[in-house]
C-alpha atoms as a PDB file:
ATOM      1  CA  MET A   1     125.128 108.493 112.868  1.00  0.00           C
ATOM      2  CA  LYS A   2     123.159 111.733 111.727  1.00  0.00           C
ATOM      3  CA  LEU A   3     119.709 110.577 110.611  1.00  0.00           C
ATOM      4  CA  LYS A   4     117.995 113.953 110.420  1.00  0.00           C
ATOM      5  CA  ILE A   5     117.463 115.014 106.929  1.00  0.00           C
ATOM      6  CA  ILE A   6     117.777 118.716 107.718  1.00  0.00           C
ATOM      7  CA  GLU A   7     121.358 118.004 108.875  1.00  0.00           C
ATOM      8  CA  LEU A   8     122.274 115.679 105.896  1.00  0.00           C
ATOM      9  CA  THR A   9     123.314 116.493 102.276  1.00  0.00           C
ATOM     10  CA  TYR A  10     121.359 115.043  99.521  1.00  0.00           C
ATOM     11  CA  ARG A  11     124.384 112.602  98.910  1.00  0.00           C
ATOM     12  CA  ASP A  12     124.279 111.653 102.609  1.00  0.00           C
ATOM     13  CA  VAL A  13     120.653 110.783 102.136  1.00  0.00           C
ATOM     14  CA  GLU A  14     121.262 108.925  98.866  1.00  0.00           C
ATOM     15  CA  LYS A  15     123.893 106.664 100.424  1.00  0.00           C
ATOM     16  CA  LEU A  16     121.686 105.963 103.404  1.00  0.00           C
ATOM     17  CA  ILE A  17     118.854 104.943 101.408  1.00  0.00           C
ATOM     18  CA  SER A  18     121.046 102.483  99.382  1.00  0.00           C
ATOM     19  CA  ASP A  19     122.029 101.375 102.602  1.00  0.00           C
ATOM     20  CA  GLY A  20     118.766 100.178 103.664  1.00  0.00           C
ATOM     21  CA  TYR A  21     117.318 103.292 105.412  1.00  0.00           C
ATOM     22  CA  ARG A  22     114.086 103.429 103.407  1.00  0.00           C
ATOM     23  CA  ASN A  23     111.603 104.077 106.195  1.00  0.00           C
ATOM     24  CA  LEU A  24     110.980 107.924 107.043  1.00  0.00           C
ATOM     25  CA  ILE A  25     109.556 109.344 110.326  1.00  0.00           C
ATOM     26  CA  ILE A  26     107.653 112.508 110.061  1.00  0.00           C
ATOM     27  CA  PRO A  27     107.033 114.266 113.317  1.00  0.00           C
ATOM     28  CA  VAL A  28     104.029 116.151 113.414  1.00  0.00           C
ATOM     29  CA  GLY A  29     102.907 118.616 116.155  1.00  0.00           C
ATOM     30  CA  THR A  30     101.251 121.921 116.670  1.00  0.00           C
ATOM     31  CA  ILE A  31     102.006 125.424 118.262  1.00  0.00           C
ATOM     32  CA  GLU A  32      99.662 125.799 121.103  1.00  0.00           C
ATOM     33  CA  ALA A  33      99.517 126.626 125.061  1.00  0.00           C
ATOM     34  CA  HIS A  34     100.407 123.908 127.407  1.00  0.00           C
ATOM     35  CA  GLY A  35      99.696 125.174 130.796  1.00  0.00           C
ATOM     36  CA  PRO A  36     102.015 128.120 132.026  1.00  0.00           C
ATOM     37  CA  HIS A  37     104.891 125.477 132.511  1.00  0.00           C
ATOM     38  CA  LEU A  38     105.483 123.771 129.326  1.00  0.00           C
ATOM     39  CA  PRO A  39     106.628 125.329 125.942  1.00  0.00           C
ATOM     40  CA  LEU A  40     104.321 126.210 123.177  1.00  0.00           C
ATOM     41  CA  GLY A  41     106.157 123.728 120.887  1.00  0.00           C
ATOM     42  CA  THR A  42     105.479 120.678 123.475  1.00  0.00           C
ATOM     43  CA  ASP A  43     103.261 118.699 120.722  1.00  0.00           C
ATOM     44  CA  ALA A  44     106.128 118.996 118.177  1.00  0.00           C
ATOM     45  CA  LEU A  45     109.188 118.320 120.573  1.00  0.00           C
ATOM     46  CA  ILE A  46     107.754 115.174 122.123  1.00  0.00           C
ATOM     47  CA  PRO A  47     107.597 113.444 118.451  1.00  0.00           C
ATOM     48  CA  GLU A  48     111.017 114.671 117.746  1.00  0.00           C
ATOM     49  CA  ILE A  49     112.373 113.147 121.004  1.00  0.00           C
ATOM     50  CA  ILE A  50     110.673 109.597 120.165  1.00  0.00           C
ATOM     51  CA  ALA A  51     111.859 109.748 116.435  1.00  0.00           C
ATOM     52  CA  GLU A  52     115.539 110.597 117.330  1.00  0.00           C
ATOM     53  CA  SER A  53     115.362 107.731 120.134  1.00  0.00           C
ATOM     54  CA  ILE A  54     114.182 105.061 117.553  1.00  0.00           C
ATOM     55  CA  ALA A  55     115.286 106.030 114.080  1.00  0.00           C
ATOM     56  CA  SER A  56     118.489 103.769 113.980  1.00  0.00           C
ATOM     57  CA  ASP A  57     116.575 100.662 115.218  1.00  0.00           C
ATOM     58  CA  ILE A  58     114.165 100.799 112.599  1.00  0.00           C
ATOM     59  CA  LYS A  59     116.478 102.086 109.755  1.00  0.00           C
ATOM     60  CA  ALA A  60     114.692 105.334 109.151  1.00  0.00           C
ATOM     61  CA  LEU A  61     115.570 108.810 108.556  1.00  0.00           C
ATOM     62  CA  ILE A  62     113.770 111.733 110.262  1.00  0.00           C
ATOM     63  CA  ALA A  63     112.058 114.410 108.094  1.00  0.00           C
ATOM     64  CA  PRO A  64     111.806 118.022 109.117  1.00  0.00           C
ATOM     65  CA  THR A  65     109.125 118.440 111.758  1.00  0.00           C
ATOM     66  CA  LEU A  66     105.627 119.695 110.722  1.00  0.00           C
ATOM     67  CA  TYR A  67     105.476 122.170 113.614  1.00  0.00           C
ATOM     68  CA  TYR A  68     102.020 123.833 112.740  1.00  0.00           C
ATOM     69  CA  GLY A  69      98.601 121.783 113.196  1.00  0.00           C
ATOM     70  CA  LEU A  70      95.118 122.117 114.002  1.00  0.00           C
ATOM     71  CA  THR A  71      94.087 124.193 117.093  1.00  0.00           C
ATOM     72  CA  SER A  72      90.792 125.753 118.142  1.00  0.00           C
ATOM     73  CA  SER A  73      89.787 126.279 121.684  1.00  0.00           C
ATOM     74  CA  LEU A  74      93.275 127.366 122.856  1.00  0.00           C
ATOM     75  CA  LEU A  75      93.734 130.092 120.387  1.00  0.00           C
ATOM     76  CA  ARG A  76      93.069 132.616 122.858  1.00  0.00           C
ATOM     77  CA  TYR A  77      96.349 131.899 124.508  1.00  0.00           C
ATOM     78  CA  THR A  78      99.145 134.058 123.206  1.00  0.00           C
ATOM     79  CA  GLY A  79     101.594 132.294 120.528  1.00  0.00           C
ATOM     80  CA  THR A  80      98.942 129.520 119.812  1.00  0.00           C
ATOM     81  CA  SER A  81      98.590 129.224 116.082  1.00  0.00           C
ATOM     82  CA  THR A  82      96.404 126.842 113.669  1.00  0.00           C
ATOM     83  CA  LEU A  83      96.229 125.635 110.160  1.00  0.00           C
ATOM     84  CA  SER A  84      92.941 124.355 108.384  1.00  0.00           C
ATOM     85  CA  GLN A  85      92.405 120.845 107.981  1.00  0.00           C
ATOM     86  CA  GLU A  86      92.556 120.948 104.353  1.00  0.00           C
ATOM     87  CA  THR A  87      96.186 122.631 104.669  1.00  0.00           C
ATOM     88  CA  LEU A  88      97.384 119.917 106.897  1.00  0.00           C
ATOM     89  CA  VAL A  89      95.907 117.166 104.821  1.00  0.00           C
ATOM     90  CA  ASN A  90      97.570 118.563 101.676  1.00  0.00           C
ATOM     91  CA  GLN A  91     100.913 119.301 103.360  1.00  0.00           C
ATOM     92  CA  LEU A  92     101.382 115.826 104.523  1.00  0.00           C
ATOM     93  CA  LYS A  93     100.300 114.312 101.190  1.00  0.00           C
ATOM     94  CA  GLU A  94     102.618 116.566  99.320  1.00  0.00           C
ATOM     95  CA  VAL A  95     105.642 116.132 101.701  1.00  0.00           C
ATOM     96  CA  ILE A  96     105.241 112.304 101.380  1.00  0.00           C
ATOM     97  CA  LEU A  97     104.834 112.017  97.808  1.00  0.00           C
ATOM     98  CA  SER A  98     108.018 114.316  97.567  1.00  0.00           C
ATOM     99  CA  TYR A  99     110.059 111.771  99.531  1.00  0.00           C
ATOM    100  CA  LYS A 100     108.463 108.770  97.912  1.00  0.00           C
ATOM    101  CA  GLN A 101     110.197 109.447  94.415  1.00  0.00           C
ATOM    102  CA  HIS A 102     113.638 109.401  96.392  1.00  0.00           C
ATOM    103  CA  GLY A 103     113.123 106.021  97.365  1.00  0.00           C
ATOM    104  CA  PHE A 104     111.547 105.874 100.672  1.00  0.00           C
ATOM    105  CA  GLU A 105     109.054 102.967 101.228  1.00  0.00           C
ATOM    106  CA  LYS A 106     107.459 103.266 104.351  1.00  0.00           C
ATOM    107  CA  PHE A 107     106.339 106.545 106.245  1.00  0.00           C
ATOM    108  CA  ILE A 108     105.792 106.754 110.075  1.00  0.00           C
ATOM    109  CA  ILE A 109     103.907 109.807 111.139  1.00  0.00           C
ATOM    110  CA  MET A 110     104.842 110.618 114.932  1.00  0.00           C
ATOM    111  CA  ASN A 111     102.005 112.596 116.021  1.00  0.00           C
ATOM    112  CA  GLY A 112     102.021 114.777 119.234  1.00  0.00           C
ATOM    113  CA  HIS A 113      98.581 116.455 119.099  1.00  0.00           C
ATOM    114  CA  GLY A 114      94.895 115.185 118.983  1.00  0.00           C
ATOM    115  CA  GLY A 115      93.594 117.927 116.829  1.00  0.00           C
ATOM    116  CA  ASN A 116      95.589 116.595 113.911  1.00  0.00           C
ATOM    117  CA  ILE A 117      94.266 113.012 113.978  1.00  0.00           C
ATOM    118  CA  ASP A 118      91.388 113.330 111.582  1.00  0.00           C
ATOM    119  CA  ALA A 119      93.807 115.295 108.976  1.00  0.00           C
ATOM    120  CA  ILE A 120      96.307 112.589 109.157  1.00  0.00           C
ATOM    121  CA  ARG A 121      94.049 109.588 108.814  1.00  0.00           C
ATOM    122  CA  LYS A 122      92.715 111.325 105.774  1.00  0.00           C
ATOM    123  CA  ALA A 123      95.880 112.113 104.055  1.00  0.00           C
ATOM    124  CA  LEU A 124      97.372 108.588 104.913  1.00  0.00           C
ATOM    125  CA  ASN A 125      94.085 106.857 103.542  1.00  0.00           C
ATOM    126  CA  ASP A 126      94.037 108.897 100.382  1.00  0.00           C
ATOM    127  CA  LEU A 127      97.862 107.946  99.640  1.00  0.00           C
ATOM    128  CA  TRP A 128      97.262 104.422 100.303  1.00  0.00           C
ATOM    129  CA  LEU A 129      94.204 104.381  98.006  1.00  0.00           C
ATOM    130  CA  GLU A 130      95.755 106.641  95.198  1.00  0.00           C
ATOM    131  CA  HIS A 131      99.387 105.684  95.322  1.00  0.00           C
ATOM    132  CA  ARG A 132      99.552 102.479  97.396  1.00  0.00           C
ATOM    133  CA  ILE A 133     101.953 104.262  99.690  1.00  0.00           C
ATOM    134  CA  LYS A 134     102.503 102.436 102.996  1.00  0.00           C
ATOM    135  CA  SER A 135     102.353 104.155 106.332  1.00  0.00           C
ATOM    136  CA  ILE A 136     101.837 104.041 109.987  1.00  0.00           C
ATOM    137  CA  ALA A 137     100.513 106.904 112.408  1.00  0.00           C
ATOM    138  CA  ILE A 138     101.272 106.791 116.032  1.00  0.00           C
ATOM    139  CA  HIS A 139      99.456 109.083 118.202  1.00  0.00           C
ATOM    140  CA  TRP A 140     101.953 108.525 121.104  1.00  0.00           C
ATOM    141  CA  TRP A 141      99.909 109.507 124.305  1.00  0.00           C
ATOM    142  CA  ILE A 142      96.917 107.324 123.165  1.00  0.00           C
ATOM    143  CA  PHE A 143      99.138 104.290 122.296  1.00  0.00           C
ATOM    144  CA  ALA A 144     101.247 104.762 125.682  1.00  0.00           C
ATOM    145  CA  ARG A 145      98.044 105.198 127.713  1.00  0.00           C
ATOM    146  CA  GLU A 146      98.752 101.774 129.639  1.00  0.00           C
ATOM    147  CA  VAL A 147     102.361 102.926 130.355  1.00  0.00           C
ATOM    148  CA  THR A 148     101.110 106.161 131.709  1.00  0.00           C
ATOM    149  CA  LEU A 149      98.667 104.461 134.026  1.00  0.00           C
ATOM    150  CA  ARG A 150     101.307 101.824 135.101  1.00  0.00           C
ATOM    151  CA  VAL A 151     104.086 104.404 135.847  1.00  0.00           C
ATOM    152  CA  PHE A 152     101.849 107.370 137.291  1.00  0.00           C
ATOM    153  CA  GLY A 153      98.881 105.468 138.538  1.00  0.00           C
ATOM    154  CA  GLU A 154      96.539 108.227 136.642  1.00  0.00           C
ATOM    155  CA  PRO A 155      95.826 108.713 132.836  1.00  0.00           C
ATOM    156  CA  GLY A 156      97.657 111.796 130.923  1.00  0.00           C
ATOM    157  CA  ALA A 157      96.265 114.977 130.157  1.00  0.00           C
ATOM    158  CA  HIS A 158      96.925 118.065 127.964  1.00  0.00           C
ATOM    159  CA  ALA A 159      99.801 119.569 129.601  1.00  0.00           C
ATOM    160  CA  GLY A 160      99.709 117.005 132.354  1.00  0.00           C
ATOM    161  CA  VAL A 161     101.509 114.403 133.585  1.00  0.00           C
ATOM    162  CA  ASP A 162     102.624 112.641 130.530  1.00  0.00           C
ATOM    163  CA  GLU A 163     103.726 115.523 128.490  1.00  0.00           C
ATOM    164  CA  THR A 164     105.322 117.234 131.338  1.00  0.00           C
ATOM    165  CA  ALA A 165     107.452 114.059 131.873  1.00  0.00           C
ATOM    166  CA  PHE A 166     108.605 114.110 128.119  1.00  0.00           C
ATOM    167  CA  ILE A 167     109.689 117.799 128.331  1.00  0.00           C
ATOM    168  CA  LEU A 168     111.253 117.376 131.835  1.00  0.00           C
ATOM    169  CA  HIS A 169     113.067 114.352 130.651  1.00  0.00           C
ATOM    170  CA  ARG A 170     114.874 115.988 127.377  1.00  0.00           C
ATOM    171  CA  TYR A 171     114.558 119.766 128.121  1.00  0.00           C
ATOM    172  CA  PRO A 172     114.435 120.269 131.754  1.00  0.00           C
ATOM    173  CA  GLU A 173     115.550 123.916 131.291  1.00  0.00           C
ATOM    174  CA  LEU A 174     112.265 124.610 129.427  1.00  0.00           C
ATOM    175  CA  VAL A 175     109.893 123.510 132.202  1.00  0.00           C
ATOM    176  CA  ARG A 176     108.544 126.514 134.362  1.00  0.00           C
ATOM    177  CA  GLU A 177     107.640 124.902 137.444  1.00  0.00           C
ATOM    178  CA  GLU A 178     107.556 128.255 139.196  1.00  0.00           C
ATOM    179  CA  TYR A 179     104.691 129.229 136.808  1.00  0.00           C
ATOM    180  CA  TYR A 180     102.676 126.251 137.489  1.00  0.00           C
ATOM    181  CA  THR A 181      99.241 126.551 139.243  1.00  0.00           C
ATOM    182  CA  ASP A 182      96.513 124.072 138.813  1.00  0.00           C
ATOM    183  CA  ASN A 183      93.744 127.022 138.933  1.00  0.00           C
ATOM    184  CA  GLU A 184      94.483 126.973 135.218  1.00  0.00           C
ATOM    185  CA  SER A 185      93.387 123.271 134.775  1.00  0.00           C
ATOM    186  CA  PHE A 186      90.089 122.550 133.144  1.00  0.00           C
ATOM    187  CA  LEU A 187      88.054 119.353 133.419  1.00  0.00           C
ATOM    188  CA  LYS A 188      86.847 118.377 129.745  1.00  0.00           C
ATOM    189  CA  GLU A 189      83.597 116.716 130.287  1.00  0.00           C
ATOM    190  CA  ASN A 190      81.570 114.716 127.602  1.00  0.00           C
ATOM    191  CA  GLY A 191      78.709 116.603 126.272  1.00  0.00           C
ATOM    192  CA  LEU A 192      80.149 119.925 127.117  1.00  0.00           C
ATOM    193  CA  ASP A 193      82.204 121.894 124.653  1.00  0.00           C
ATOM    194  CA  ILE A 194      83.380 125.163 125.461  1.00  0.00           C
ATOM    195  CA  TRP A 195      85.166 127.975 123.131  1.00  0.00           C
ATOM    196  CA  PRO A 196      87.671 129.441 124.280  1.00  0.00           C
ATOM    197  CA  SER A 197      89.069 126.757 126.691  1.00  0.00           C
ATOM    198  CA  PRO A 198      88.721 127.966 130.226  1.00  0.00           C
ATOM    199  CA  GLY A 199      92.130 126.533 130.976  1.00  0.00           C
ATOM    200  CA  SER A 200      95.352 125.716 129.319  1.00  0.00           C
ATOM    201  CA  ILE A 201      95.791 122.536 131.194  1.00  0.00           C
ATOM    202  CA  ILE A 202      93.009 120.016 129.999  1.00  0.00           C
ATOM    203  CA  ILE A 203      92.218 117.073 131.944  1.00  0.00           C
ATOM    204  CA  TYR A 204      89.834 114.259 131.387  1.00  0.00           C
ATOM    205  CA  GLU A 205      89.422 112.817 134.939  1.00  0.00           C
ATOM    206  CA  ARG A 206      88.634 114.872 137.878  1.00  0.00           C
ATOM    207  CA  ASN A 207      91.842 115.787 139.817  1.00  0.00           C
ATOM    208  CA  ARG A 208      93.778 113.309 137.583  1.00  0.00           C
ATOM    209  CA  GLY A 209      96.519 113.707 135.290  1.00  0.00           C
ATOM    210  CA  LEU A 210      98.041 116.896 136.509  1.00  0.00           C
ATOM    211  CA  PRO A 211     101.740 117.777 136.089  1.00  0.00           C
ATOM    212  CA  ARG A 212     104.340 116.230 138.386  1.00  0.00           C
ATOM    213  CA  PHE A 213     107.904 117.521 138.386  1.00  0.00           C
ATOM    214  CA  ASP A 214     109.718 114.363 139.400  1.00  0.00           C
ATOM    215  CA  LYS A 215     112.734 113.912 137.241  1.00  0.00           C
ATOM    216  CA  ASP A 216     113.450 110.498 137.997  1.00  0.00           C
ATOM    217  CA  LEU A 217     109.927 109.365 137.302  1.00  0.00           C
ATOM    218  CA  ALA A 218     109.972 111.393 134.031  1.00  0.00           C
ATOM    219  CA  ASP A 219     112.912 109.414 132.704  1.00  0.00           C
ATOM    220  CA  LYS A 220     111.654 106.081 133.837  1.00  0.00           C
ATOM    221  CA  TYR A 221     108.211 106.928 131.956  1.00  0.00           C
ATOM    222  CA  VAL A 222     109.827 108.083 128.625  1.00  0.00           C
ATOM    223  CA  GLY A 223     112.223 105.328 128.660  1.00  0.00           C
ATOM    224  CA  GLU A 224     109.152 102.753 128.767  1.00  0.00           C
ATOM    225  CA  VAL A 225     107.024 104.630 126.284  1.00  0.00           C
ATOM    226  CA  ILE A 226     110.037 104.647 123.764  1.00  0.00           C
ATOM    227  CA  ASN A 227     110.721 101.032 124.264  1.00  0.00           C
ATOM    228  CA  LEU A 228     106.997 100.488 123.653  1.00  0.00           C
ATOM    229  CA  ILE A 229     106.897 102.274 120.353  1.00  0.00           C
ATOM    230  CA  ARG A 230     110.173 100.973 119.002  1.00  0.00           C
ATOM    231  CA  ASN A 231     109.084  97.334 119.733  1.00  0.00           C
ATOM    232  CA  ARG A 232     105.860  97.684 118.050  1.00  0.00           C
ATOM    233  CA  LEU A 233     107.211  99.543 115.209  1.00  0.00           C
ATOM    234  CA  ILE A 234     109.811  97.047 114.435  1.00  0.00           C
ATOM    235  CA  GLU A 235     107.075  94.258 114.459  1.00  0.00           C
ATOM    236  CA  LEU A 236     104.588  96.137 112.453  1.00  0.00           C
ATOM    237  CA  LEU A 237     107.089  97.418 109.601  1.00  0.00           C
ATOM    238  CA  SER A 238     107.864  93.916 108.706  1.00  0.00           C
ATOM    239  CA  LYS A 239     104.180  93.255 108.308  1.00  0.00           C
ATOM    240  CA  ILE A 240     103.181  96.012 105.905  1.00  0.00           C
END
């Protein structure tokens, strides 16, 4: 069954809503460098993968992805782009209010980018206070941290082991292992901010979280992350 709004007619959407598909997943990412080995759209592609994998189980449709987000220190890398926080907050609020009028009742923001978190929280908080709109935001790499540690034995990173696994799982043709070098990795340390970022692979623990190119392990990891998110959403959506 097709559940992506971009592929449906308005009559299809009307029927699905009347059949109980009143949850809406909105994937949100950004366009920014992810090492030399991953595509610029990684932070949007991963939320799309998750959304497509869980939508039918939670009776949700999938809105078109919001590809642009908030990026700062990686703007030096060609192809990277950014919005202001105000723009992203307003875009989220206006998109959700548009869909709310058609009968969607609960909104799931599937976020793939850390720079978006504050804007998403503000938008959803405002929507609840002003319109009593129910929502859940999932910042997948944070929520799945325990799965990352269990499967890989180390934490994730920007363009690291966890993000590489998702793209390798679904889009192996987009992973450019031949371009990879750990010389482009940068350890982000507490108390030290640098603009621009010295590397497009950002790790948070020394020598941990760097990319791996093991397809079988990637498949295992993605399956466990998707199951975690699916099961938690089934539980939460029944409670809000």
